[in-house]
Amino acid sequence: QVELVETGGGLVQAGGSLRLSCASSGDTLTKSSVAWFRQLPGEEQEFVSTLIWHADGATSETTYYSDSVEGRFTISRDNAQNAIYLQMNNLGPEDTGVYYCAATPLVYMSDSFYFRKDSYSAWGQGTQVTVSS
């Protein structure tokens, strides 16, 4: 069983950076696809980024980002630490919200499934990110 815990949220000024971490205290994340979602104030939870693990072992991992964070955020993993990260640069007030990491051991036929929150079985409790203008 995978249990996820996010850290690294906080208050930052616009233009600043934060690095979110998500550690698993249970099963390894090595053969899981992982993702970050966020919930902005008054809005539904939305996709931020995913890092897809490919079961064939020959295909390197695929990453996707939402249009709103493309070029500013970077998702990565450290298998030795059993953790995933979200490096967030050039933050703006529109990035303020609660950020969640998620993981799934399932392999989907289409990469589009990894953009959906119901595709993930393990979730962290969320970490607050606040960007002041």
Foldseek 3Di string as FASTA:
>chain_A
DWAKAKDWADEAAAQAKIKIKIATPDDAQPLKKKFKWWADPPGDIFGAKIWHHDPVVPDHIDMDGDPVQPPFWDWDDDRVRSMIMIIGGRDDQRPWTWMKMFIDNDDDPDPVLVRDPVRTDYMHPTDTHGYHD
